[in-house]
Amino acid sequence: MKNIYTSVDIGSDTIKIVVCELHKNRLNLLAASSVKSQGIKNGAITDVGKASVALREAISEVETMLGVKIKKVIASVPNFLAEYIYAEGVVDIKNEDNIITGDDIIRCLHTAVKTKIGVNSELVTVIPIDFSIDDNQLIKDPKGIAGSKLSSRMILVTTPKKNIYSVVGMIESIGIAVEDISLNSIGDIYAFKTAETESQLGVIINIGADTTTVSLYNKNIIVKSSIIGYGGNDVDNDIAYMYKITKDQALKIKERFALAHKLYASVNDFYEVATKNNEVISINQFEVSEIVMSRLEEILTFATKEINNLTNKKIQYIIITGGMSNIAHFQYIVDDVFGKNATIGNIKVVGVRDNKYSSAIGNIVYFIDKLKLREKQYSMFSKEDVEELSSTKKSLINISNDSMLGKVFGYFWSE
């Protein structure tokens, strides 16, 4: 059985769908789709009908690429009011030879959940910090080791019930089963983590359309997050207001013409556009880049304040992701605000211009990581689906670059 997984990221600007296959311990992306969102504001579903239409369109695009139906997905749920609760669990090892199995790990993690979840909250996931056997040394994976007692320290990630039910309910209403849920903040660290971050305290800043999420990680485990009420849409609004053009026009100018920093913007390059009053104007690249730079500087400065609110300890890395980080010369504004301590995330398979996929890809990596620790095998595609997929595989090569067939993500989740 081939192990294939689908991840859904329902954002304010776009709905992203990613389909991946795990092959020889390496994650291959088979298809991806990004469709303009409707009925979603600040990451929350405000109009289920409109949001469902956009979701169906995104799913349909991926199904056309693959030639098979999407039946099961991993879904991201909003970060709003998420809590990260430290907990401990312990169980006795009852099997005959006292060898710890994946089932023992599951039992150990479950023991800590029962009394920790609030009435209006729902568990999103449990992230183990480490395990100990018979109160001895701390280890990451205790499977296959003999012992009479297994203990674990862990982080319980919870969110208000409405955050989960709104997303899960909408996805299931179009006939797709939600097999697992996660937060984009968890997906981001699994998309970008390295051997170095395994021992470090760091931050990922995800600049979305309506909001920017600042998440704090200790040894690749999320411990806190905060949301800023500014994002890429504010840049669009600034451009639209200054030149009296539509927001759609402003978006095109931002993506195709403006730079994130005015340092290398040209005073001799112009972009012609018609205003709302049907007056044709020429927009100077230097001037529009100043507008973009000003807003980005504000967003990143707010992010700096949030980092200081999240921790008073020294941060060892800062990674910036999200669709807004794709704009040309973004690294220059990052250097201005953070110095050389911050970098732009790089999703290798889809390129630096597609950081909007980081959360969706990372949530698949996280899902696989959970399966491995718990000693489970699982695929979201049946044997029949895989056979149908294989029969149409050759035709996928000619589909647009977003299909990403056969390109390798390059993340060894077993490391």
Protein backbone atom coordinates (compact mmCIF):
# COMPACT_ATOMS: atom_id res chain seq x y z
CA MET A 1 0.00 0.00 0.00
CA LYS A 2 1.30 3.43 -0.96
CA ASN A 3 1.00 6.04 1.79
CA ILE A 4 -0.70 9.14 0.36
CA TYR A 5 -2.01 12.09 2.36
CA THR A 6 -4.08 15.21 1.63
CA SER A 7 -3.85 18.43 3.62
CA VAL A 8 -6.29 21.36 3.57
CA ASP A 9 -5.39 24.89 4.69
CA ILE A 10 -8.42 27.18 4.75
CA GLY A 11 -7.01 30.71 4.74
CA SER A 12 -8.57 34.15 4.49
CA ASP A 13 -7.07 34.78 1.06
CA THR A 14 -6.81 31.30 -0.45
CA ILE A 15 -7.75 27.70 0.24
CA LYS A 16 -4.74 25.45 -0.28
CA ILE A 17 -4.89 21.71 -1.00
CA VAL A 18 -1.74 19.57 -1.04
CA VAL A 19 -1.46 15.85 -1.84
CA CYS A 20 1.73 14.00 -0.90
CA GLU A 21 3.10 10.48 -1.13
CA LEU A 22 5.57 9.05 1.35
CA HIS A 23 8.07 6.94 -0.59
CA LYS A 24 11.29 5.51 0.85
CA ASN A 25 11.15 7.87 3.82
CA ARG A 26 10.89 10.87 1.54
CA LEU A 27 7.84 13.03 0.94
CA ASN A 28 6.87 13.58 -2.70
CA LEU A 29 4.23 16.13 -3.60
CA LEU A 30 1.80 14.83 -6.19
CA ALA A 31 -0.50 17.82 -6.59
CA ALA A 32 -1.41 21.19 -5.10
CA SER A 33 -4.12 23.76 -5.64
CA SER A 34 -4.70 27.30 -4.42
CA VAL A 35 -8.13 28.88 -4.91
CA LYS A 36 -9.36 32.33 -3.87
CA SER A 37 -11.27 32.11 -0.58
CA GLN A 38 -14.83 33.23 -0.04
CA GLY A 39 -16.75 33.57 3.20
CA ILE A 40 -13.60 33.56 5.36
CA LYS A 41 -12.39 36.48 7.46
CA ASN A 42 -9.38 36.56 9.80
CA GLY A 43 -9.02 32.81 9.35
CA ALA A 44 -12.55 32.07 10.57
CA ILE A 45 -15.48 30.89 8.45
CA THR A 46 -18.09 33.66 8.29
CA ASP A 47 -20.24 32.30 5.44
CA VAL A 48 -20.32 28.51 5.21
CA GLY A 49 -22.08 28.53 1.83
CA LYS A 50 -19.51 30.72 0.11
CA ALA A 51 -16.58 28.99 1.80
CA SER A 52 -17.90 25.58 0.71
CA VAL A 53 -18.03 26.73 -2.93
CA ALA A 54 -14.36 27.78 -2.80
CA LEU A 55 -13.37 24.55 -1.05
CA ARG A 56 -15.16 22.44 -3.68
CA GLU A 57 -13.33 24.33 -6.42
CA ALA A 58 -9.93 23.71 -4.80
CA ILE A 59 -10.71 20.02 -4.26
CA SER A 60 -11.97 19.71 -7.84
CA GLU A 61 -8.72 21.16 -9.22
CA VAL A 62 -6.64 18.58 -7.36
CA GLU A 63 -8.97 15.75 -8.34
CA THR A 64 -8.60 16.77 -11.99
CA MET A 65 -4.83 16.71 -11.65
CA LEU A 66 -4.79 13.28 -10.01
CA GLY A 67 -7.71 11.64 -11.78
CA VAL A 68 -9.10 10.34 -8.47
CA LYS A 69 -11.51 11.60 -5.83
CA ILE A 70 -10.30 13.14 -2.57
CA LYS A 71 -12.11 11.33 0.25
CA LYS A 72 -10.06 12.03 3.38
CA VAL A 73 -7.98 14.99 4.55
CA ILE A 74 -5.96 16.54 7.33
CA ALA A 75 -7.45 19.95 8.14
CA SER A 76 -5.91 23.01 9.75
CA VAL A 77 -8.10 24.81 12.28
CA PRO A 78 -7.80 28.47 13.37
CA ASN A 79 -5.07 29.45 15.83
CA PHE A 80 -7.36 31.92 17.61
CA LEU A 81 -7.32 31.39 21.40
CA ALA A 82 -5.25 28.22 21.08
CA GLU A 83 -3.67 27.06 24.33
CA TYR A 84 -0.54 25.02 24.90
CA ILE A 85 -0.79 23.11 28.17
CA TYR A 86 2.10 21.26 29.81
CA ALA A 87 1.11 17.82 31.07
CA GLU A 88 2.60 14.54 32.27
CA GLY A 89 1.39 10.98 31.85
CA VAL A 90 2.44 7.59 33.16
CA VAL A 91 1.35 3.99 32.50
CA ASP A 92 2.44 0.52 33.53
CA ILE A 93 3.74 -1.78 30.79
CA LYS A 94 1.53 -4.84 30.96
CA ASN A 95 2.60 -7.02 28.04
CA GLU A 96 4.38 -10.30 28.76
CA ASP A 97 7.92 -9.27 27.86
CA ASN A 98 7.63 -5.64 29.07
CA ILE A 99 8.70 -4.31 25.66
CA ILE A 100 7.19 -0.86 24.99
CA THR A 101 5.02 -0.63 21.88
CA GLY A 102 3.23 2.12 19.99
CA ASP A 103 0.02 1.22 21.84
CA ASP A 104 1.78 1.85 25.17
CA ILE A 105 2.81 5.29 23.91
CA ILE A 106 -0.80 6.07 22.98
CA ARG A 107 -2.03 4.96 26.41
CA CYS A 108 0.60 7.09 28.12
CA LEU A 109 -0.35 10.21 26.16
CA HIS A 110 -4.06 9.62 26.78
CA THR A 111 -3.62 9.52 30.57
CA ALA A 112 -2.72 13.21 30.65
CA VAL A 113 -5.65 14.42 28.56
CA LYS A 114 -8.68 13.61 30.73
CA THR A 115 -8.43 16.36 33.36
CA LYS A 116 -6.70 19.06 31.34
CA ILE A 117 -9.27 20.08 28.73
CA GLY A 118 -11.67 22.95 29.53
CA VAL A 119 -15.43 22.70 29.03
CA ASN A 120 -15.46 24.99 25.98
CA SER A 121 -12.21 23.68 24.50
CA GLU A 122 -11.35 20.74 22.30
CA LEU A 123 -8.09 18.85 21.99
CA VAL A 124 -6.27 19.47 18.70
CA THR A 125 -3.23 17.29 19.27
CA VAL A 126 -0.77 15.98 21.85
CA ILE A 127 2.91 16.72 21.23
CA PRO A 128 5.29 14.58 23.30
CA ILE A 129 8.34 16.40 24.64
CA ASP A 130 10.14 13.24 25.77
CA PHE A 131 9.67 9.89 27.52
CA SER A 132 11.31 8.12 30.43
CA ILE A 133 11.35 4.42 31.27
CA ASP A 134 11.29 3.45 34.94
CA ASP A 135 12.20 7.07 35.77
CA ASN A 136 15.52 6.77 33.96
CA GLN A 137 16.99 8.86 31.12
CA LEU A 138 14.79 11.02 28.86
CA ILE A 139 14.40 9.74 25.30
CA LYS A 140 12.38 10.77 22.24
CA ASP A 141 11.15 7.33 21.15
CA PRO A 142 10.86 4.49 23.69
CA LYS A 143 9.51 1.80 21.35
CA GLY A 144 11.26 -1.55 21.58
CA ILE A 145 12.82 -0.85 24.99
CA ALA A 146 12.01 -3.02 28.01
CA GLY A 147 10.59 -1.45 31.15
CA SER A 148 7.81 -1.67 33.71
CA LYS A 149 6.69 1.97 33.67
CA LEU A 150 6.52 4.54 30.86
CA SER A 151 6.31 8.28 31.61
CA SER A 152 5.98 11.23 29.26
CA ARG A 153 6.13 15.00 29.34
CA MET A 154 3.95 16.58 26.68
CA ILE A 155 2.17 19.66 25.34
CA LEU A 156 -1.61 19.47 24.91
CA VAL A 157 -2.77 21.81 22.16
CA THR A 158 -6.38 22.96 22.57
CA THR A 159 -8.63 25.47 20.86
CA PRO A 160 -12.24 26.63 21.31
CA LYS A 161 -14.72 24.02 20.07
CA LYS A 162 -16.21 26.40 17.49
CA ASN A 163 -12.80 26.70 15.76
CA ILE A 164 -12.81 22.97 15.11
CA TYR A 165 -16.49 22.32 14.46
CA SER A 166 -16.81 25.10 11.88
CA VAL A 167 -13.95 23.74 9.77
CA VAL A 168 -14.70 20.04 10.21
CA GLY A 169 -18.42 20.58 9.64
CA MET A 170 -17.85 22.46 6.39
CA ILE A 171 -15.43 19.88 4.99
CA GLU A 172 -17.68 16.97 5.91
CA SER A 173 -20.68 18.77 4.38
CA ILE A 174 -19.12 18.31 0.92
CA GLY A 175 -18.62 14.59 1.50
CA ILE A 176 -15.00 14.52 2.65
CA ALA A 177 -13.89 12.91 5.93
CA VAL A 178 -11.52 14.76 8.26
CA GLU A 179 -9.01 12.19 9.51
CA ASP A 180 -6.93 14.56 11.62
CA ILE A 181 -6.70 18.22 12.60
CA SER A 182 -3.75 20.48 13.31
CA LEU A 183 -2.77 24.13 13.61
CA ASN A 184 -0.85 26.01 10.94
CA SER A 185 1.68 26.95 13.61
CA ILE A 186 2.45 23.25 14.06
CA GLY A 187 2.63 22.71 10.32
CA ASP A 188 5.07 25.60 9.89
CA ILE A 189 7.69 24.19 12.26
CA TYR A 190 7.44 20.75 10.64
CA ALA A 191 7.94 22.35 7.23
CA PHE A 192 11.10 24.18 8.25
CA LYS A 193 12.68 22.37 11.21
CA THR A 194 16.27 21.17 10.99
CA ALA A 195 18.77 19.33 13.15
CA GLU A 196 19.88 22.73 14.47
CA THR A 197 16.41 23.88 15.55
CA GLU A 198 16.04 20.62 17.49
CA SER A 199 18.06 22.20 20.32
CA GLN A 200 17.06 25.85 19.89
CA LEU A 201 14.44 28.39 20.94
CA GLY A 202 12.98 30.11 17.91
CA VAL A 203 10.07 31.85 16.23
CA ILE A 204 8.14 31.47 12.99
CA ILE A 205 6.22 34.49 11.69
CA ASN A 206 3.50 33.57 9.20
CA ILE A 207 2.18 36.63 7.37
CA GLY A 208 -1.28 35.76 6.11
CA ALA A 209 -3.86 37.84 4.31
CA ASP A 210 -5.80 39.26 7.26
CA THR A 211 -3.56 38.34 10.18
CA THR A 212 0.03 37.52 11.09
CA THR A 213 0.76 34.63 13.45
CA VAL A 214 3.84 34.68 15.68
CA SER A 215 4.68 31.26 17.13
CA LEU A 216 7.33 30.33 19.69
CA TYR A 217 9.05 26.93 19.60
CA ASN A 218 11.34 25.25 22.08
CA LYS A 219 13.26 22.34 20.53
CA ASN A 220 10.77 22.22 17.63
CA ILE A 221 7.76 22.03 19.97
CA ILE A 222 5.26 24.87 19.93
CA VAL A 223 4.82 26.47 23.34
CA LYS A 224 3.07 29.80 22.63
CA SER A 225 1.53 31.76 19.78
CA SER A 226 0.06 35.19 19.20
CA ILE A 227 -1.95 36.79 16.41
CA ILE A 228 -1.50 40.31 15.00
CA GLY A 229 -4.43 41.88 13.17
CA TYR A 230 -2.43 42.92 10.11
CA GLY A 231 -1.46 41.03 6.97
CA GLY A 232 -1.02 41.15 3.22
CA ASN A 233 -4.48 42.62 2.64
CA ASP A 234 -3.38 45.78 4.46
CA VAL A 235 -0.65 46.27 1.87
CA ASP A 236 -3.25 45.91 -0.89
CA ASN A 237 -5.53 48.40 0.85
CA ASP A 238 -2.70 50.93 1.19
CA ILE A 239 -1.88 50.76 -2.53
CA ALA A 240 -5.56 50.93 -3.51
CA TYR A 241 -6.15 53.96 -1.27
CA MET A 242 -3.07 55.89 -2.38
CA TYR A 243 -3.78 55.51 -6.10
CA LYS A 244 -7.60 55.31 -5.99
CA ILE A 245 -7.65 51.94 -7.71
CA THR A 246 -9.46 48.69 -6.95
CA LYS A 247 -8.07 46.16 -4.50
CA ASP A 248 -7.65 43.60 -7.28
CA GLN A 249 -5.52 46.07 -9.22
CA ALA A 250 -3.51 46.80 -6.10
CA LEU A 251 -2.90 43.07 -5.56
CA LYS A 252 -1.53 42.69 -9.09
CA ILE A 253 0.77 45.69 -8.61
CA LYS A 254 2.05 44.26 -5.33
CA GLU A 255 2.74 40.83 -6.81
CA ARG A 256 4.05 41.84 -10.25
CA PHE A 257 5.68 45.25 -9.87
CA ALA A 258 6.33 46.49 -6.33
CA LEU A 259 9.31 45.49 -4.21
CA ALA A 260 9.28 44.85 -0.48
CA HIS A 261 12.13 47.32 0.01
CA LYS A 262 12.76 50.57 -1.85
CA LEU A 263 16.53 50.06 -1.86
CA TYR A 264 16.66 48.68 -5.41
CA ALA A 265 13.35 50.04 -6.68
CA SER A 266 13.62 52.04 -9.89
CA VAL A 267 12.44 55.60 -10.30
CA ASN A 268 12.30 55.02 -14.05
CA ASP A 269 9.98 51.97 -14.09
CA PHE A 270 6.26 52.65 -14.32
CA TYR A 271 3.05 50.63 -14.19
CA GLU A 272 0.03 52.05 -16.00
CA VAL A 273 -3.38 51.49 -14.47
CA ALA A 274 -6.86 53.00 -14.70
CA THR A 275 -8.25 54.53 -11.50
CA LYS A 276 -11.82 54.16 -10.27
CA ASN A 277 -12.55 57.39 -12.14
CA ASN A 278 -11.22 55.86 -15.38
CA GLU A 279 -8.16 58.08 -15.31
CA VAL A 280 -5.03 56.32 -16.58
CA ILE A 281 -2.08 56.94 -14.27
CA SER A 282 1.55 55.77 -14.22
CA ILE A 283 2.72 54.34 -10.91
CA ASN A 284 6.40 54.71 -10.10
CA GLN A 285 8.09 51.55 -8.76
CA PHE A 286 10.06 53.44 -6.13
CA GLU A 287 6.98 55.18 -4.74
CA VAL A 288 4.78 52.08 -4.59
CA SER A 289 7.63 50.12 -3.03
CA GLU A 290 7.84 52.78 -0.31
CA ILE A 291 4.16 52.15 0.44
CA VAL A 292 4.70 48.39 0.62
CA MET A 293 7.84 48.75 2.69
CA SER A 294 6.16 51.01 5.22
CA ARG A 295 3.36 48.53 5.92
CA LEU A 296 5.68 45.51 6.02
CA GLU A 297 7.97 47.33 8.42
CA GLU A 298 4.97 47.98 10.65
CA ILE A 299 3.86 44.32 10.58
CA LEU A 300 7.34 43.01 11.38
CA THR A 301 7.80 45.61 14.13
CA PHE A 302 4.54 44.43 15.71
CA ALA A 303 5.86 40.88 15.38
CA THR A 304 9.02 41.92 17.26
CA LYS A 305 6.90 43.23 20.12
CA GLU A 306 4.92 39.98 20.19
CA ILE A 307 8.13 37.95 20.38
CA ASN A 308 9.15 39.97 23.42
CA ASN A 309 5.72 39.33 24.95
CA LEU A 310 6.03 35.59 24.31
CA THR A 311 9.47 35.19 25.89
CA ASN A 312 12.26 37.12 27.58
CA LYS A 313 14.82 34.52 26.56
CA LYS A 314 17.25 34.86 23.67
CA ILE A 315 15.76 33.79 20.33
CA GLN A 316 18.16 31.72 18.23
CA TYR A 317 16.27 31.79 14.93
CA ILE A 318 13.40 33.60 13.24
CA ILE A 319 11.77 32.19 10.10
CA ILE A 320 9.29 34.24 8.05
CA THR A 321 6.71 32.48 5.90
CA GLY A 322 3.25 32.97 4.43
CA GLY A 323 2.22 34.25 1.02
CA MET A 324 3.44 37.79 1.73
CA SER A 325 7.03 36.56 2.11
CA ASN A 326 7.04 35.75 -1.62
CA ILE A 327 7.26 39.40 -2.67
CA ALA A 328 10.52 40.40 -4.33
CA HIS A 329 13.32 41.77 -2.08
CA PHE A 330 11.49 40.73 1.08
CA GLN A 331 14.77 39.67 2.72
CA TYR A 332 15.96 43.31 2.75
CA ILE A 333 13.08 44.46 4.93
CA VAL A 334 13.58 41.40 7.16
CA ASP A 335 17.25 42.37 7.59
CA ASP A 336 16.27 45.95 8.47
CA VAL A 337 13.92 44.86 11.24
CA PHE A 338 15.60 41.73 12.64
CA GLY A 339 19.18 41.82 11.42
CA LYS A 340 20.81 38.64 10.14
CA ASN A 341 19.06 36.49 12.75
CA ALA A 342 15.99 36.06 10.54
CA THR A 343 15.51 34.20 7.27
CA ILE A 344 12.70 33.62 4.80
CA GLY A 345 11.36 30.08 4.83
CA ASN A 346 12.13 27.99 1.77
CA ILE A 347 9.72 25.24 0.73
CA LYS A 348 12.09 23.39 -1.56
CA VAL A 349 9.59 21.60 -3.75
CA VAL A 350 7.45 24.57 -4.72
CA GLY A 351 10.09 27.26 -4.47
CA VAL A 352 10.43 30.35 -2.34
CA ARG A 353 7.51 32.03 -4.13
CA ASP A 354 5.08 29.49 -2.73
CA ASN A 355 5.51 29.82 1.03
CA LYS A 356 1.72 29.91 1.24
CA TYR A 357 1.94 26.10 1.15
CA SER A 358 4.24 25.78 4.18
CA SER A 359 1.54 25.04 6.74
CA ALA A 360 -0.29 22.50 4.58
CA ILE A 361 2.90 20.62 3.76
CA GLY A 362 4.14 20.73 7.35
CA ASN A 363 0.89 19.33 8.69
CA ILE A 364 1.36 16.26 6.51
CA VAL A 365 4.91 15.85 7.84
CA TYR A 366 3.56 16.16 11.39
CA PHE A 367 0.82 13.58 10.70
CA ILE A 368 3.42 11.12 9.40
CA ASP A 369 5.62 11.80 12.43
CA LYS A 370 2.71 10.89 14.72
CA LEU A 371 2.07 7.68 12.82
CA LYS A 372 5.71 6.67 13.11
CA LEU A 373 5.90 7.31 16.87
CA ARG A 374 2.67 5.39 17.49
CA GLU A 375 3.81 2.54 15.21
CA LYS A 376 0.87 2.92 12.84
CA GLN A 377 0.49 2.59 9.06
CA TYR A 378 -2.13 4.63 7.26
CA SER A 379 -3.03 5.99 3.83
CA MET A 380 -5.86 8.32 2.84
CA PHE A 381 -6.06 6.64 -0.58
CA SER A 382 -7.42 3.12 -0.97
CA LYS A 383 -5.72 0.43 -3.07
CA GLU A 384 -8.24 1.10 -5.84
CA ASP A 385 -7.53 4.85 -5.68
CA VAL A 386 -3.80 4.23 -5.98
CA GLU A 387 -4.28 1.97 -8.99
CA GLU A 388 -6.40 4.63 -10.67
CA LEU A 389 -3.84 7.28 -9.79
CA SER A 390 -1.02 5.19 -11.25
CA SER A 391 -2.91 4.74 -14.52
CA THR A 392 -3.18 8.52 -14.99
CA LYS A 393 0.26 9.39 -13.66
CA LYS A 394 1.88 10.05 -17.04
CA SER A 395 -0.71 12.64 -18.01
CA LEU A 396 -0.03 14.62 -14.83
CA ILE A 397 3.43 15.60 -16.03
CA ASN A 398 1.94 18.05 -18.52
CA ILE A 399 -0.27 19.81 -15.97
CA SER A 400 0.70 23.28 -14.71
CA ASN A 401 3.64 23.83 -12.38
CA ASP A 402 1.30 23.79 -9.38
CA SER A 403 0.83 20.04 -9.83
CA MET A 404 4.42 19.45 -8.62
CA LEU A 405 4.28 15.80 -9.68
CA GLY A 406 7.47 13.94 -8.97
CA LYS A 407 9.23 16.86 -7.36
CA VAL A 408 10.83 15.97 -4.05
CA PHE A 409 10.15 17.93 -0.91
CA GLY A 410 13.48 16.82 0.54
CA TYR A 411 12.35 16.47 4.15
CA PHE A 412 13.39 13.24 5.86
CA TRP A 413 10.75 13.02 8.55
CA SER A 414 12.55 10.12 10.21
CA GLU A 415 15.52 12.28 11.18
